[in-house]
Amino acid sequence: MTAQPSKPAYVWLPPGTPAAIADAVRRAGGELVAPEAANVLLLYGYPSPSADDVPLLRSLLTDSVEWVQLQPAGVEDWFARGLVDDQRVWTSSAGAYAVAVAEHVLALLLASAKRLVECARADTWRHADLQGVPLSGSTVGIVGAGGIGREIIRRLEPLDVRVIASTHSGSAVKGAARSLGAGDLDELLTESDYVVLCAPLTPETRGLIGARELDLIGPRGALINVARGALVDTGAVVAALRDGRLGGAFLDVTEPEPLPSGHPLWSEPRALVTPHVANTRQQLEAALLRRVEQNVARFRAGEPLLGVIDPAAGY
């Protein structure tokens, strides 16, 4: 049972914030106020703060602000600008978009197993050499088994898929046959038929997958990335696919992003690029509204907030 609200939530929203978000704040019992009266900042409209945004954002972080809710799930740019501190609670939308992204991953896994990309690009009847394999009985490795990873595991349960899940701490992940730590990446890559990247982008994970790691996945394996493009060395992916050292690449995020027209990945027979659409705008807005309403209610009740950012970890 939810505790009775114990404190007010005086919330400041930037100009131009959609009315639906203001309504979500009010439904949860929050009160919209001017920035100088706020103990909560809900910073809609800053998915990636620019250098020009920093002075204004810093000026808003007064001693009275207890909690800052950010719009995006990935917050590497907020750390890069030096904005996240340990003087108040910061939350992202991490986990709020998990269901939509997990569904996209399932689609990419099936596309890989059934060789749908190659079939779609074929211009002749190739019955003999374009037959897929069952997803059932395969091993899926999930790198960064947070909210999205857990939703992926839930959707794989009825498909008789073995899951290896890695987290930074190596703690047990529900539904995974094996749970590994960040230092066990090579083991996960070697054992997996499909490797799904869901990890946050931090200095430690930038460039996590390069030529050596792609060779561990191998010509019978596939890489799926729905996290951040900079986790992967794009040039190494192109080379591995070209040389037959990687079975497939299914990317919703790329480095660079947007992926330029004419880039080799667009025409690579064993690659599928979806232009960062695992979440549609409609899904994003609905998920953000739910997260805002939930967190304002939790703040007022003195309950733990969802999506809390760890300043030491960088996400």
C-alpha atoms as a PDB file:
ATOM      1  CA  MET A   1       0.000   0.000   0.000  1.00  0.00           C
ATOM      2  CA  THR A   2       1.316   3.427  -0.941  1.00  0.00           C
ATOM      3  CA  ALA A   3       2.125   5.651   2.017  1.00  0.00           C
ATOM      4  CA  GLN A   4       0.323   8.943   2.449  1.00  0.00           C
ATOM      5  CA  PRO A   5       2.172  11.866   0.812  1.00  0.00           C
ATOM      6  CA  SER A   6       4.610  13.343   3.284  1.00  0.00           C
ATOM      7  CA  LYS A   7       5.910  16.410   1.456  1.00  0.00           C
ATOM      8  CA  PRO A   8       4.982  18.736  -1.375  1.00  0.00           C
ATOM      9  CA  ALA A   9       6.360  18.525  -4.889  1.00  0.00           C
ATOM     10  CA  TYR A  10       6.879  22.045  -6.216  1.00  0.00           C
ATOM     11  CA  VAL A  11       7.737  21.338  -9.844  1.00  0.00           C
ATOM     12  CA  TRP A  12       9.262  23.628 -12.456  1.00  0.00           C
ATOM     13  CA  LEU A  13       8.751  22.761 -16.120  1.00  0.00           C
ATOM     14  CA  PRO A  14      10.703  24.521 -18.893  1.00  0.00           C
ATOM     15  CA  PRO A  15       8.725  26.738 -21.289  1.00  0.00           C
ATOM     16  CA  GLY A  16       7.311  24.701 -24.140  1.00  0.00           C
ATOM     17  CA  THR A  17       6.791  21.531 -22.093  1.00  0.00           C
ATOM     18  CA  PRO A  18       3.695  19.702 -23.423  1.00  0.00           C
ATOM     19  CA  ALA A  19       0.510  20.241 -21.458  1.00  0.00           C
ATOM     20  CA  ALA A  20       0.168  16.469 -21.028  1.00  0.00           C
ATOM     21  CA  ILE A  21       3.273  16.442 -18.812  1.00  0.00           C
ATOM     22  CA  ALA A  22       1.921  19.269 -16.688  1.00  0.00           C
ATOM     23  CA  ASP A  23      -1.295  17.289 -16.331  1.00  0.00           C
ATOM     24  CA  ALA A  24       0.683  14.220 -15.236  1.00  0.00           C
ATOM     25  CA  VAL A  25       2.390  16.298 -12.538  1.00  0.00           C
ATOM     26  CA  ARG A  26      -0.954  17.569 -11.260  1.00  0.00           C
ATOM     27  CA  ARG A  27      -2.523  14.098 -11.277  1.00  0.00           C
ATOM     28  CA  ALA A  28       0.237  12.947  -8.959  1.00  0.00           C
ATOM     29  CA  GLY A  29      -0.385  15.862  -6.611  1.00  0.00           C
ATOM     30  CA  GLY A  30       2.465  18.090  -7.759  1.00  0.00           C
ATOM     31  CA  GLU A  31       2.193  21.855  -7.971  1.00  0.00           C
ATOM     32  CA  LEU A  32       3.677  23.840 -10.870  1.00  0.00           C
ATOM     33  CA  VAL A  33       5.789  26.766  -9.690  1.00  0.00           C
ATOM     34  CA  ALA A  34       8.383  29.276 -10.850  1.00  0.00           C
ATOM     35  CA  PRO A  35      11.998  28.020 -10.825  1.00  0.00           C
ATOM     36  CA  GLU A  36      12.967  29.950  -7.699  1.00  0.00           C
ATOM     37  CA  ALA A  37      10.202  28.198  -5.728  1.00  0.00           C
ATOM     38  CA  ALA A  38      10.877  24.680  -7.018  1.00  0.00           C
ATOM     39  CA  ASN A  39      12.185  21.675  -5.130  1.00  0.00           C
ATOM     40  CA  VAL A  40      11.775  19.540  -8.285  1.00  0.00           C
ATOM     41  CA  LEU A  41      13.032  20.230 -11.806  1.00  0.00           C
ATOM     42  CA  LEU A  42      11.462  18.250 -14.638  1.00  0.00           C
ATOM     43  CA  LEU A  43      13.752  19.103 -17.513  1.00  0.00           C
ATOM     44  CA  TYR A  44      11.720  18.224 -20.574  1.00  0.00           C
ATOM     45  CA  GLY A  45      13.213  19.452 -23.843  1.00  0.00           C
ATOM     46  CA  TYR A  46      16.853  18.732 -22.987  1.00  0.00           C
ATOM     47  CA  PRO A  47      17.502  15.222 -24.333  1.00  0.00           C
ATOM     48  CA  SER A  48      21.094  16.251 -25.013  1.00  0.00           C
ATOM     49  CA  PRO A  49      22.180  19.536 -23.397  1.00  0.00           C
ATOM     50  CA  SER A  50      24.399  21.758 -25.503  1.00  0.00           C
ATOM     51  CA  ALA A  51      27.204  23.961 -24.241  1.00  0.00           C
ATOM     52  CA  ASP A  52      24.856  26.925 -24.587  1.00  0.00           C
ATOM     53  CA  ASP A  53      22.332  25.210 -22.273  1.00  0.00           C
ATOM     54  CA  VAL A  54      24.801  24.708 -19.429  1.00  0.00           C
ATOM     55  CA  PRO A  55      24.713  28.209 -17.822  1.00  0.00           C
ATOM     56  CA  LEU A  56      20.911  28.178 -17.578  1.00  0.00           C
ATOM     57  CA  LEU A  57      20.798  24.610 -16.264  1.00  0.00           C
ATOM     58  CA  ARG A  58      23.448  25.336 -13.645  1.00  0.00           C
ATOM     59  CA  SER A  59      21.527  28.416 -12.495  1.00  0.00           C
ATOM     60  CA  LEU A  60      18.465  26.238 -11.874  1.00  0.00           C
ATOM     61  CA  LEU A  61      20.345  23.839  -9.571  1.00  0.00           C
ATOM     62  CA  THR A  62      19.806  25.807  -6.382  1.00  0.00           C
ATOM     63  CA  ASP A  63      20.144  24.367  -2.878  1.00  0.00           C
ATOM     64  CA  SER A  64      16.365  24.024  -2.640  1.00  0.00           C
ATOM     65  CA  VAL A  65      16.207  21.558  -5.543  1.00  0.00           C
ATOM     66  CA  GLU A  66      15.977  18.034  -4.136  1.00  0.00           C
ATOM     67  CA  TRP A  67      15.285  16.071  -7.302  1.00  0.00           C
ATOM     68  CA  VAL A  68      15.872  16.481 -11.038  1.00  0.00           C
ATOM     69  CA  GLN A  69      13.962  14.330 -13.546  1.00  0.00           C
ATOM     70  CA  LEU A  70      15.585  14.064 -16.985  1.00  0.00           C
ATOM     71  CA  GLN A  71      13.758  13.252 -20.200  1.00  0.00           C
ATOM     72  CA  PRO A  72      16.095  10.680 -21.805  1.00  0.00           C
ATOM     73  CA  ALA A  73      17.082   7.204 -20.662  1.00  0.00           C
ATOM     74  CA  GLY A  74      20.691   7.669 -21.725  1.00  0.00           C
ATOM     75  CA  VAL A  75      22.395  10.448 -19.785  1.00  0.00           C
ATOM     76  CA  GLU A  76      26.009  10.364 -20.976  1.00  0.00           C
ATOM     77  CA  ASP A  77      25.719  13.918 -22.350  1.00  0.00           C
ATOM     78  CA  TRP A  78      24.614  15.209 -18.941  1.00  0.00           C
ATOM     79  CA  PHE A  79      27.747  13.746 -17.403  1.00  0.00           C
ATOM     80  CA  ALA A  80      29.907  15.050 -20.239  1.00  0.00           C
ATOM     81  CA  ARG A  81      28.654  18.582 -19.464  1.00  0.00           C
ATOM     82  CA  GLY A  82      29.427  18.112 -15.759  1.00  0.00           C
ATOM     83  CA  LEU A  83      25.833  18.725 -14.703  1.00  0.00           C
ATOM     84  CA  VAL A  84      25.005  15.626 -12.653  1.00  0.00           C
ATOM     85  CA  ASP A  85      26.040  16.080  -9.021  1.00  0.00           C
ATOM     86  CA  ASP A  86      25.610  14.255  -5.722  1.00  0.00           C
ATOM     87  CA  GLN A  87      23.832  17.111  -3.940  1.00  0.00           C
ATOM     88  CA  ARG A  88      20.366  15.958  -4.988  1.00  0.00           C
ATOM     89  CA  VAL A  89      18.629  12.964  -6.534  1.00  0.00           C
ATOM     90  CA  TRP A  90      18.792  12.711 -10.319  1.00  0.00           C
ATOM     91  CA  THR A  91      16.544  10.360 -12.279  1.00  0.00           C
ATOM     92  CA  SER A  92      16.403   9.408 -15.944  1.00  0.00           C
ATOM     93  CA  SER A  93      13.742   7.629 -17.933  1.00  0.00           C
ATOM     94  CA  ALA A  94      15.775   4.404 -17.826  1.00  0.00           C
ATOM     95  CA  GLY A  95      13.427   1.445 -17.946  1.00  0.00           C
ATOM     96  CA  ALA A  96      10.408   3.503 -18.961  1.00  0.00           C
ATOM     97  CA  TYR A  97      10.881   2.607 -22.620  1.00  0.00           C
ATOM     98  CA  ALA A  98      11.872  -1.023 -22.006  1.00  0.00           C
ATOM     99  CA  VAL A  99       8.780  -2.745 -23.401  1.00  0.00           C
ATOM    100  CA  ALA A 100       8.944  -1.077 -26.819  1.00  0.00           C
ATOM    101  CA  VAL A 101      12.689  -1.673 -27.166  1.00  0.00           C
ATOM    102  CA  ALA A 102      12.356  -5.308 -26.086  1.00  0.00           C
ATOM    103  CA  GLU A 103       9.739  -5.865 -28.783  1.00  0.00           C
ATOM    104  CA  HIS A 104      12.117  -4.373 -31.354  1.00  0.00           C
ATOM    105  CA  VAL A 105      14.897  -6.691 -30.192  1.00  0.00           C
ATOM    106  CA  LEU A 106      12.619  -9.697 -30.587  1.00  0.00           C
ATOM    107  CA  ALA A 107      11.857  -8.609 -34.154  1.00  0.00           C
ATOM    108  CA  LEU A 108      15.575  -8.274 -34.914  1.00  0.00           C
ATOM    109  CA  LEU A 109      16.370 -11.658 -33.378  1.00  0.00           C
ATOM    110  CA  LEU A 110      13.743 -13.341 -35.542  1.00  0.00           C
ATOM    111  CA  ALA A 111      14.907 -11.427 -38.612  1.00  0.00           C
ATOM    112  CA  SER A 112      18.414 -12.710 -37.999  1.00  0.00           C
ATOM    113  CA  ALA A 113      17.409 -16.322 -37.344  1.00  0.00           C
ATOM    114  CA  LYS A 114      15.131 -16.438 -40.390  1.00  0.00           C
ATOM    115  CA  ARG A 115      17.545 -14.490 -42.644  1.00  0.00           C
ATOM    116  CA  LEU A 116      14.812 -12.039 -43.542  1.00  0.00           C
ATOM    117  CA  VAL A 117      17.199  -9.283 -44.613  1.00  0.00           C
ATOM    118  CA  GLU A 118      18.879 -11.479 -47.199  1.00  0.00           C
ATOM    119  CA  CYS A 119      15.489 -12.739 -48.381  1.00  0.00           C
ATOM    120  CA  ALA A 120      14.168  -9.192 -48.746  1.00  0.00           C
ATOM    121  CA  ARG A 121      17.176  -8.158 -50.837  1.00  0.00           C
ATOM    122  CA  ALA A 122      17.205 -11.230 -53.066  1.00  0.00           C
ATOM    123  CA  ASP A 123      15.990 -10.782 -56.630  1.00  0.00           C
ATOM    124  CA  THR A 124      15.853 -14.467 -57.551  1.00  0.00           C
ATOM    125  CA  TRP A 125      14.298 -17.582 -55.968  1.00  0.00           C
ATOM    126  CA  ARG A 126      17.041 -18.925 -53.654  1.00  0.00           C
ATOM    127  CA  HIS A 127      15.312 -21.724 -51.762  1.00  0.00           C
ATOM    128  CA  ALA A 128      18.468 -23.757 -51.187  1.00  0.00           C
ATOM    129  CA  ASP A 129      20.754 -21.135 -49.629  1.00  0.00           C
ATOM    130  CA  LEU A 130      18.403 -18.754 -47.804  1.00  0.00           C
ATOM    131  CA  GLN A 131      16.887 -21.024 -45.220  1.00  0.00           C
ATOM    132  CA  GLY A 132      16.899 -19.754 -41.660  1.00  0.00           C
ATOM    133  CA  VAL A 133      17.292 -21.603 -38.388  1.00  0.00           C
ATOM    134  CA  PRO A 134      15.021 -21.886 -35.344  1.00  0.00           C
ATOM    135  CA  LEU A 135      15.446 -19.265 -32.665  1.00  0.00           C
ATOM    136  CA  SER A 136      14.424 -22.012 -30.256  1.00  0.00           C
ATOM    137  CA  GLY A 137      17.441 -23.750 -28.751  1.00  0.00           C
ATOM    138  CA  SER A 138      19.793 -20.824 -29.401  1.00  0.00           C
ATOM    139  CA  THR A 139      21.740 -18.811 -26.851  1.00  0.00           C
ATOM    140  CA  VAL A 140      21.151 -15.073 -26.530  1.00  0.00           C
ATOM    141  CA  GLY A 141      23.700 -13.005 -24.634  1.00  0.00           C
ATOM    142  CA  ILE A 142      22.449  -9.737 -23.187  1.00  0.00           C
ATOM    143  CA  VAL A 143      25.118  -7.176 -22.352  1.00  0.00           C
ATOM    144  CA  GLY A 144      23.697  -4.778 -19.774  1.00  0.00           C
ATOM    145  CA  ALA A 145      20.693  -6.620 -18.378  1.00  0.00           C
ATOM    146  CA  GLY A 146      18.858  -3.681 -16.852  1.00  0.00           C
ATOM    147  CA  GLY A 147      15.246  -2.750 -17.512  1.00  0.00           C
ATOM    148  CA  ILE A 148      15.399  -3.414 -21.250  1.00  0.00           C
ATOM    149  CA  GLY A 149      17.361  -6.633 -20.786  1.00  0.00           C
ATOM    150  CA  ARG A 150      14.848  -7.973 -18.298  1.00  0.00           C
ATOM    151  CA  GLU A 151      11.971  -7.217 -20.665  1.00  0.00           C
ATOM    152  CA  ILE A 152      13.814  -9.050 -23.447  1.00  0.00           C
ATOM    153  CA  ILE A 153      14.234 -12.091 -21.206  1.00  0.00           C
ATOM    154  CA  ARG A 154      10.506 -12.102 -20.411  1.00  0.00           C
ATOM    155  CA  ARG A 155       9.681 -12.184 -24.128  1.00  0.00           C
ATOM    156  CA  LEU A 156      12.157 -14.971 -24.827  1.00  0.00           C
ATOM    157  CA  GLU A 157      10.844 -17.283 -22.096  1.00  0.00           C
ATOM    158  CA  PRO A 158       8.168 -19.002 -24.245  1.00  0.00           C
ATOM    159  CA  LEU A 159      10.602 -19.430 -27.150  1.00  0.00           C
ATOM    160  CA  ASP A 160      12.899 -21.973 -25.447  1.00  0.00           C
ATOM    161  CA  VAL A 161      15.936 -19.713 -25.690  1.00  0.00           C
ATOM    162  CA  ARG A 162      18.900 -19.942 -23.318  1.00  0.00           C
ATOM    163  CA  VAL A 163      19.911 -16.520 -21.982  1.00  0.00           C
ATOM    164  CA  ILE A 164      23.272 -15.368 -20.661  1.00  0.00           C
ATOM    165  CA  ALA A 165      22.984 -11.967 -18.992  1.00  0.00           C
ATOM    166  CA  SER A 166      25.739  -9.635 -17.889  1.00  0.00           C
ATOM    167  CA  THR A 167      25.523  -6.712 -15.495  1.00  0.00           C
ATOM    168  CA  HIS A 168      28.182  -4.440 -14.091  1.00  0.00           C
ATOM    169  CA  SER A 169      28.007  -6.194 -10.715  1.00  0.00           C
ATOM    170  CA  GLY A 170      27.465  -9.728 -11.973  1.00  0.00           C
ATOM    171  CA  SER A 171      24.416 -10.174  -9.755  1.00  0.00           C
ATOM    172  CA  ALA A 172      21.864 -12.858 -10.609  1.00  0.00           C
ATOM    173  CA  VAL A 173      19.393 -11.890 -13.339  1.00  0.00           C
ATOM    174  CA  LYS A 174      15.964 -13.493 -13.150  1.00  0.00           C
ATOM    175  CA  GLY A 175      15.261 -15.773 -16.097  1.00  0.00           C
ATOM    176  CA  ALA A 176      18.877 -16.041 -17.227  1.00  0.00           C
ATOM    177  CA  ALA A 177      20.581 -19.414 -17.346  1.00  0.00           C
ATOM    178  CA  ARG A 178      23.850 -17.692 -16.452  1.00  0.00           C
ATOM    179  CA  SER A 179      24.572 -14.284 -14.940  1.00  0.00           C
ATOM    180  CA  LEU A 180      28.000 -12.783 -15.559  1.00  0.00           C
ATOM    181  CA  GLY A 181      29.877  -9.659 -14.578  1.00  0.00           C
ATOM    182  CA  ALA A 182      31.387  -6.938 -16.739  1.00  0.00           C
ATOM    183  CA  GLY A 183      34.736  -8.728 -16.715  1.00  0.00           C
ATOM    184  CA  ASP A 184      33.250 -11.840 -18.306  1.00  0.00           C
ATOM    185  CA  LEU A 185      32.402 -10.277 -21.673  1.00  0.00           C
ATOM    186  CA  ASP A 186      34.604 -12.645 -23.683  1.00  0.00           C
ATOM    187  CA  GLU A 187      32.828 -15.635 -22.197  1.00  0.00           C
ATOM    188  CA  LEU A 188      29.416 -14.217 -23.072  1.00  0.00           C
ATOM    189  CA  LEU A 189      30.452 -13.383 -26.640  1.00  0.00           C
ATOM    190  CA  THR A 190      31.948 -16.824 -27.242  1.00  0.00           C
ATOM    191  CA  GLU A 191      28.924 -18.742 -25.935  1.00  0.00           C
ATOM    192  CA  SER A 192      26.190 -16.665 -27.595  1.00  0.00           C
ATOM    193  CA  ASP A 193      24.565 -17.131 -30.985  1.00  0.00           C
ATOM    194  CA  TYR A 194      23.105 -13.623 -30.706  1.00  0.00           C
ATOM    195  CA  VAL A 195      24.628 -10.778 -28.700  1.00  0.00           C
ATOM    196  CA  VAL A 196      22.279  -7.954 -27.688  1.00  0.00           C
ATOM    197  CA  LEU A 197      23.789  -4.690 -26.449  1.00  0.00           C
ATOM    198  CA  CYS A 198      21.664  -2.854 -23.868  1.00  0.00           C
ATOM    199  CA  ALA A 199      24.464  -1.299 -21.804  1.00  0.00           C
ATOM    200  CA  PRO A 200      24.703   2.418 -20.980  1.00  0.00           C
ATOM    201  CA  LEU A 201      27.379   4.485 -22.679  1.00  0.00           C
ATOM    202  CA  THR A 202      30.127   5.353 -20.197  1.00  0.00           C
ATOM    203  CA  PRO A 203      33.886   5.885 -20.573  1.00  0.00           C
ATOM    204  CA  GLU A 204      34.303   2.190 -19.751  1.00  0.00           C
ATOM    205  CA  THR A 205      31.800   0.928 -22.334  1.00  0.00           C
ATOM    206  CA  ARG A 206      32.683   3.251 -25.206  1.00  0.00           C
ATOM    207  CA  GLY A 207      34.135   1.082 -27.969  1.00  0.00           C
ATOM    208  CA  LEU A 208      33.202  -2.058 -26.026  1.00  0.00           C
ATOM    209  CA  ILE A 209      32.821  -4.106 -29.221  1.00  0.00           C
ATOM    210  CA  GLY A 210      35.727  -3.958 -31.640  1.00  0.00           C
ATOM    211  CA  ALA A 211      37.394  -6.313 -34.093  1.00  0.00           C
ATOM    212  CA  ARG A 212      38.550  -8.766 -31.428  1.00  0.00           C
ATOM    213  CA  GLU A 213      35.114  -8.987 -29.830  1.00  0.00           C
ATOM    214  CA  LEU A 214      33.427  -9.434 -33.212  1.00  0.00           C
ATOM    215  CA  ASP A 215      35.744 -12.361 -33.926  1.00  0.00           C
ATOM    216  CA  LEU A 216      34.572 -13.953 -30.670  1.00  0.00           C
ATOM    217  CA  ILE A 217      30.952 -13.667 -31.834  1.00  0.00           C
ATOM    218  CA  GLY A 218      32.079 -15.244 -35.078  1.00  0.00           C
ATOM    219  CA  PRO A 219      30.680 -16.059 -38.505  1.00  0.00           C
ATOM    220  CA  ARG A 220      27.727 -17.980 -37.051  1.00  0.00           C
ATOM    221  CA  GLY A 221      26.776 -15.209 -34.617  1.00  0.00           C
ATOM    222  CA  ALA A 222      24.950 -11.902 -34.873  1.00  0.00           C
ATOM    223  CA  LEU A 223      25.287  -8.570 -33.096  1.00  0.00           C
ATOM    224  CA  ILE A 224      22.216  -6.525 -32.131  1.00  0.00           C
ATOM    225  CA  ASN A 225      22.646  -3.012 -30.753  1.00  0.00           C
ATOM    226  CA  VAL A 226      19.719  -1.056 -29.270  1.00  0.00           C
ATOM    227  CA  ALA A 227      21.783   0.908 -26.738  1.00  0.00           C
ATOM    228  CA  ARG A 228      24.229   3.514 -28.085  1.00  0.00           C
ATOM    229  CA  GLY A 229      26.132   3.468 -31.361  1.00  0.00           C
ATOM    230  CA  ALA A 230      29.419   4.371 -29.705  1.00  0.00           C
ATOM    231  CA  LEU A 231      29.503   1.017 -27.898  1.00  0.00           C
ATOM    232  CA  VAL A 232      30.581  -0.477 -31.217  1.00  0.00           C
ATOM    233  CA  ASP A 233      33.428   0.195 -33.647  1.00  0.00           C
ATOM    234  CA  THR A 234      31.397   0.674 -36.836  1.00  0.00           C
ATOM    235  CA  GLY A 235      34.385   0.240 -39.122  1.00  0.00           C
ATOM    236  CA  ALA A 236      35.203  -3.068 -37.465  1.00  0.00           C
ATOM    237  CA  VAL A 237      31.624  -4.248 -38.041  1.00  0.00           C
ATOM    238  CA  VAL A 238      31.816  -3.367 -41.740  1.00  0.00           C
ATOM    239  CA  ALA A 239      35.129  -5.224 -42.090  1.00  0.00           C
ATOM    240  CA  ALA A 240      33.938  -8.278 -40.160  1.00  0.00           C
ATOM    241  CA  LEU A 241      30.802  -8.584 -42.280  1.00  0.00           C
ATOM    242  CA  ARG A 242      32.725  -8.070 -45.503  1.00  0.00           C
ATOM    243  CA  ASP A 243      35.293 -10.729 -44.564  1.00  0.00           C
ATOM    244  CA  GLY A 244      32.704 -13.221 -43.322  1.00  0.00           C
ATOM    245  CA  ARG A 245      33.988 -13.076 -39.739  1.00  0.00           C
ATOM    246  CA  LEU A 246      30.594 -11.952 -38.377  1.00  0.00           C
ATOM    247  CA  GLY A 247      27.296 -13.578 -39.238  1.00  0.00           C
ATOM    248  CA  GLY A 248      25.124 -10.474 -39.053  1.00  0.00           C
ATOM    249  CA  ALA A 249      24.656  -6.986 -37.589  1.00  0.00           C
ATOM    250  CA  PHE A 250      21.245  -5.584 -36.620  1.00  0.00           C
ATOM    251  CA  LEU A 251      21.584  -2.001 -35.461  1.00  0.00           C
ATOM    252  CA  ASP A 252      18.993   0.470 -34.230  1.00  0.00           C
ATOM    253  CA  VAL A 253      21.769   2.856 -33.186  1.00  0.00           C
ATOM    254  CA  THR A 254      24.976   3.660 -35.019  1.00  0.00           C
ATOM    255  CA  GLU A 255      28.183   5.657 -34.788  1.00  0.00           C
ATOM    256  CA  PRO A 256      27.960   8.099 -36.468  1.00  0.00           C
ATOM    257  CA  GLU A 257      24.257   8.798 -36.110  1.00  0.00           C
ATOM    258  CA  PRO A 258      22.474   9.468 -38.372  1.00  0.00           C
ATOM    259  CA  LEU A 259      24.274   6.893 -40.504  1.00  0.00           C
ATOM    260  CA  PRO A 260      25.259   8.734 -43.718  1.00  0.00           C
ATOM    261  CA  SER A 261      23.618   7.882 -47.013  1.00  0.00           C
ATOM    262  CA  GLY A 262      25.825   5.555 -49.015  1.00  0.00           C
ATOM    263  CA  HIS A 263      27.435   4.017 -45.923  1.00  0.00           C
ATOM    264  CA  PRO A 264      28.394   0.356 -46.557  1.00  0.00           C
ATOM    265  CA  LEU A 265      26.039  -0.874 -43.831  1.00  0.00           C
ATOM    266  CA  TRP A 266      23.006   0.221 -45.850  1.00  0.00           C
ATOM    267  CA  SER A 267      23.803  -2.255 -48.624  1.00  0.00           C
ATOM    268  CA  GLU A 268      25.553  -4.992 -46.641  1.00  0.00           C
ATOM    269  CA  PRO A 269      23.515  -8.197 -47.239  1.00  0.00           C
ATOM    270  CA  ARG A 270      23.832  -9.357 -43.631  1.00  0.00           C
ATOM    271  CA  ALA A 271      23.179  -6.024 -41.950  1.00  0.00           C
ATOM    272  CA  LEU A 272      19.915  -4.333 -41.044  1.00  0.00           C
ATOM    273  CA  VAL A 273      19.900  -0.723 -39.861  1.00  0.00           C
ATOM    274  CA  THR A 274      16.719   0.635 -38.307  1.00  0.00           C
ATOM    275  CA  PRO A 275      17.046   4.420 -37.826  1.00  0.00           C
ATOM    276  CA  HIS A 276      16.733   4.630 -34.017  1.00  0.00           C
ATOM    277  CA  VAL A 277      13.063   3.675 -34.131  1.00  0.00           C
ATOM    278  CA  ALA A 278      12.870   0.992 -31.437  1.00  0.00           C
ATOM    279  CA  ASN A 279      10.826   3.642 -29.670  1.00  0.00           C
ATOM    280  CA  THR A 280       8.311   5.606 -31.706  1.00  0.00           C
ATOM    281  CA  ARG A 281       7.542   9.176 -30.669  1.00  0.00           C
ATOM    282  CA  GLN A 282       4.097   8.082 -29.504  1.00  0.00           C
ATOM    283  CA  GLN A 283       5.577   5.335 -27.323  1.00  0.00           C
ATOM    284  CA  LEU A 284       8.189   7.694 -25.905  1.00  0.00           C
ATOM    285  CA  GLU A 285       5.634  10.298 -24.882  1.00  0.00           C
ATOM    286  CA  ALA A 286       3.297   7.758 -23.277  1.00  0.00           C
ATOM    287  CA  ALA A 287       6.150   6.137 -21.335  1.00  0.00           C
ATOM    288  CA  LEU A 288       7.475   9.508 -20.160  1.00  0.00           C
ATOM    289  CA  LEU A 289       4.032  10.549 -18.922  1.00  0.00           C
ATOM    290  CA  ARG A 290       3.760   7.357 -16.865  1.00  0.00           C
ATOM    291  CA  ARG A 291       7.252   7.851 -15.427  1.00  0.00           C
ATOM    292  CA  VAL A 292       6.566  11.485 -14.471  1.00  0.00           C
ATOM    293  CA  GLU A 293       3.313  10.643 -12.738  1.00  0.00           C
ATOM    294  CA  GLN A 294       4.840   7.662 -10.918  1.00  0.00           C
ATOM    295  CA  ASN A 295       7.894   9.568  -9.730  1.00  0.00           C
ATOM    296  CA  VAL A 296       6.035  12.685  -8.567  1.00  0.00           C
ATOM    297  CA  ALA A 297       3.725  10.445  -6.539  1.00  0.00           C
ATOM    298  CA  ARG A 298       6.702   8.552  -5.116  1.00  0.00           C
ATOM    299  CA  PHE A 299       8.515  11.775  -4.245  1.00  0.00           C
ATOM    300  CA  ARG A 300       5.507  13.074  -2.338  1.00  0.00           C
ATOM    301  CA  ALA A 301       5.158   9.771  -0.490  1.00  0.00           C
ATOM    302  CA  GLY A 302       8.848   9.589   0.383  1.00  0.00           C
ATOM    303  CA  GLU A 303       9.259   6.388  -1.639  1.00  0.00           C
ATOM    304  CA  PRO A 304      12.301   5.436  -3.780  1.00  0.00           C
ATOM    305  CA  LEU A 305      12.187   7.041  -7.207  1.00  0.00           C
ATOM    306  CA  LEU A 306      12.390   5.104 -10.472  1.00  0.00           C
ATOM    307  CA  GLY A 307      15.410   5.478 -12.736  1.00  0.00           C
ATOM    308  CA  VAL A 308      17.786   6.901 -10.108  1.00  0.00           C
ATOM    309  CA  ILE A 309      21.142   7.890 -11.595  1.00  0.00           C
ATOM    310  CA  ASP A 310      24.356   6.875  -9.828  1.00  0.00           C
ATOM    311  CA  PRO A 311      26.777   9.827 -10.148  1.00  0.00           C
ATOM    312  CA  ALA A 312      29.739   7.547  -9.428  1.00  0.00           C
ATOM    313  CA  ALA A 313      28.776   4.968 -12.054  1.00  0.00           C
ATOM    314  CA  GLY A 314      27.889   7.514 -14.739  1.00  0.00           C
ATOM    315  CA  TYR A 315      24.395   6.241 -15.488  1.00  0.00           C
END
